[in-house]
N, C-alpha and C. Protein backbone atom coordinates (compact mmCIF):
# COMPACT_ATOMS: atom_id res chain seq x y z
N MET A 1 -26.01 118.06 -4.86
CA MET A 1 -25.49 118.72 -5.56
C MET A 1 -24.60 118.39 -6.30
N ILE A 2 -24.00 119.48 -7.52
CA ILE A 2 -23.21 119.23 -7.83
C ILE A 2 -21.82 119.63 -7.54
N GLU A 3 -20.71 118.81 -7.56
CA GLU A 3 -19.79 119.31 -7.01
C GLU A 3 -19.34 119.25 -8.83
N LEU A 4 -17.81 120.06 -8.74
CA LEU A 4 -16.90 120.24 -10.00
C LEU A 4 -14.82 120.06 -9.20
N VAL A 5 -14.96 120.02 -9.52
CA VAL A 5 -12.70 119.12 -9.27
C VAL A 5 -12.23 119.38 -9.73
N ASP A 6 -11.50 119.76 -9.54
CA ASP A 6 -10.07 120.46 -10.51
C ASP A 6 -9.44 118.48 -10.40
N PRO A 7 -9.00 118.74 -11.48
CA PRO A 7 -8.61 117.08 -11.94
C PRO A 7 -6.83 116.75 -11.49
N THR A 8 -6.59 118.01 -11.53
CA THR A 8 -5.23 117.66 -11.27
C THR A 8 -4.67 117.71 -9.18
N SER A 9 -5.65 119.05 -9.30
CA SER A 9 -5.22 118.83 -7.66
C SER A 9 -6.34 118.58 -7.32
N GLN A 10 -6.79 117.28 -7.69
CA GLN A 10 -9.14 116.64 -6.49
C GLN A 10 -8.96 118.24 -5.74
N ARG A 11 -8.94 119.03 -5.56
CA ARG A 11 -10.06 120.77 -4.53
C ARG A 11 -11.10 120.80 -5.66
N PRO A 12 -11.75 120.86 -5.36
CA PRO A 12 -13.06 121.34 -5.74
C PRO A 12 -13.05 123.11 -6.00
N VAL A 13 -13.99 123.02 -6.63
CA VAL A 13 -13.54 124.22 -7.37
C VAL A 13 -15.20 124.99 -7.54
N TRP A 14 -16.09 124.41 -7.33
CA TRP A 14 -17.31 124.52 -7.45
C TRP A 14 -18.02 123.73 -6.74
N HIS A 15 -19.00 123.89 -6.41
CA HIS A 15 -20.90 123.53 -6.91
C HIS A 15 -21.70 124.14 -6.06
N GLY A 16 -22.77 123.31 -6.39
CA GLY A 16 -23.93 124.25 -6.15
C GLY A 16 -25.41 122.87 -5.75
N LEU A 17 -26.32 123.11 -5.61
CA LEU A 17 -27.16 122.90 -4.33
C LEU A 17 -28.72 123.29 -4.65
N ALA A 18 -29.75 121.86 -5.11
CA ALA A 18 -31.23 122.65 -5.26
C ALA A 18 -32.04 121.50 -4.18
N PHE A 19 -32.61 121.52 -4.11
CA PHE A 19 -33.59 121.04 -2.69
C PHE A 19 -34.90 121.56 -2.72
N GLU A 20 -35.77 120.36 -2.23
CA GLU A 20 -37.67 120.99 -3.08
C GLU A 20 -38.03 119.55 -1.67
N THR A 21 -39.16 119.34 -1.33
CA THR A 21 -39.88 119.40 -0.08
C THR A 21 -40.51 117.99 -1.94
N TRP A 22 -40.06 117.02 -1.25
CA TRP A 22 -41.08 115.69 -1.50
C TRP A 22 -42.19 115.47 -2.14
N TYR A 23 -43.46 115.00 -3.05
CA TYR A 23 -44.97 114.40 -2.86
C TYR A 23 -44.84 113.34 -4.12
N ASP A 24 -45.29 112.85 -3.41
CA ASP A 24 -46.23 111.59 -3.79
C ASP A 24 -46.55 112.05 -6.09
N SER A 25 -46.83 113.49 -5.99
CA SER A 25 -48.43 113.13 -7.68
C SER A 25 -46.41 113.28 -8.22
N MET A 26 -45.90 113.69 -7.69
CA MET A 26 -44.32 114.84 -7.84
C MET A 26 -43.34 113.36 -9.52
N GLU A 27 -42.79 113.37 -10.12
CA GLU A 27 -42.65 113.37 -11.77
C GLU A 27 -40.48 112.72 -11.19
N PRO A 28 -40.20 111.83 -11.62
CA PRO A 28 -38.55 112.13 -10.55
C PRO A 28 -38.24 112.74 -11.52
N GLU A 29 -37.21 112.01 -13.15
CA GLU A 29 -37.84 112.04 -14.24
C GLU A 29 -37.60 113.64 -14.39
N ALA A 30 -38.65 114.58 -14.29
CA ALA A 30 -38.74 115.80 -14.88
C ALA A 30 -38.00 116.23 -12.80
N GLU A 31 -38.48 116.12 -11.69
CA GLU A 31 -38.31 117.34 -11.04
C GLU A 31 -36.77 117.16 -11.27
N ILE A 32 -36.19 116.27 -11.22
CA ILE A 32 -34.23 116.06 -11.27
C ILE A 32 -33.71 116.38 -12.72
N ARG A 33 -34.27 117.04 -13.92
CA ARG A 33 -33.91 117.81 -14.63
C ARG A 33 -33.87 119.28 -14.54
N LYS A 34 -34.90 119.08 -13.10
CA LYS A 34 -35.15 121.05 -12.67
C LYS A 34 -34.58 121.71 -12.28
N ALA A 35 -34.28 120.36 -11.03
CA ALA A 35 -33.00 120.61 -10.16
C ALA A 35 -31.91 120.74 -10.92
N ILE A 36 -31.33 120.26 -11.64
CA ILE A 36 -30.04 120.58 -12.16
C ILE A 36 -29.82 121.44 -13.57
N GLN A 37 -30.74 121.58 -13.88
CA GLN A 37 -30.72 122.98 -14.71
C GLN A 37 -30.78 124.64 -13.86
N SER A 38 -31.00 124.39 -12.46
CA SER A 38 -31.17 125.10 -11.43
C SER A 38 -29.48 125.39 -11.45
N VAL A 39 -29.68 124.63 -10.82
CA VAL A 39 -28.30 124.42 -10.38
C VAL A 39 -26.94 125.17 -11.21
N LEU A 40 -27.25 124.34 -12.65
CA LEU A 40 -25.91 125.07 -13.07
C LEU A 40 -25.97 126.25 -14.05
N ALA A 41 -27.55 126.45 -13.67
CA ALA A 41 -27.84 128.42 -14.83
C ALA A 41 -26.58 128.97 -13.79
N GLN A 42 -26.46 128.40 -12.96
CA GLN A 42 -25.63 129.88 -11.49
C GLN A 42 -24.58 129.83 -11.97
N PHE A 43 -24.00 128.24 -13.38
CA PHE A 43 -21.86 128.59 -13.67
C PHE A 43 -22.72 128.62 -14.53
N PRO A 44 -21.06 129.47 -14.84
CA PRO A 44 -20.33 130.06 -14.58
C PRO A 44 -20.19 131.15 -13.18
N PRO A 45 -19.34 131.28 -11.86
CA PRO A 45 -20.02 132.35 -10.80
C PRO A 45 -19.81 133.12 -11.63
N SER A 46 -19.78 134.08 -11.10
CA SER A 46 -19.88 135.39 -10.95
C SER A 46 -17.85 135.92 -10.35
N PRO A 47 -17.24 136.75 -11.66
CA PRO A 47 -16.23 136.91 -10.50
C PRO A 47 -15.82 138.23 -9.34
């Protein structure tokens, strides 16, 4: 989960979530990068 918080009000203004079933054969660094890219591809939100 990635959450963006307004620094003045300390209230969340946007959040994104990614999840996946984990397998021992997966490479953690690569999977984390893909998850972050997937979540941030949804930012900024549509008006």
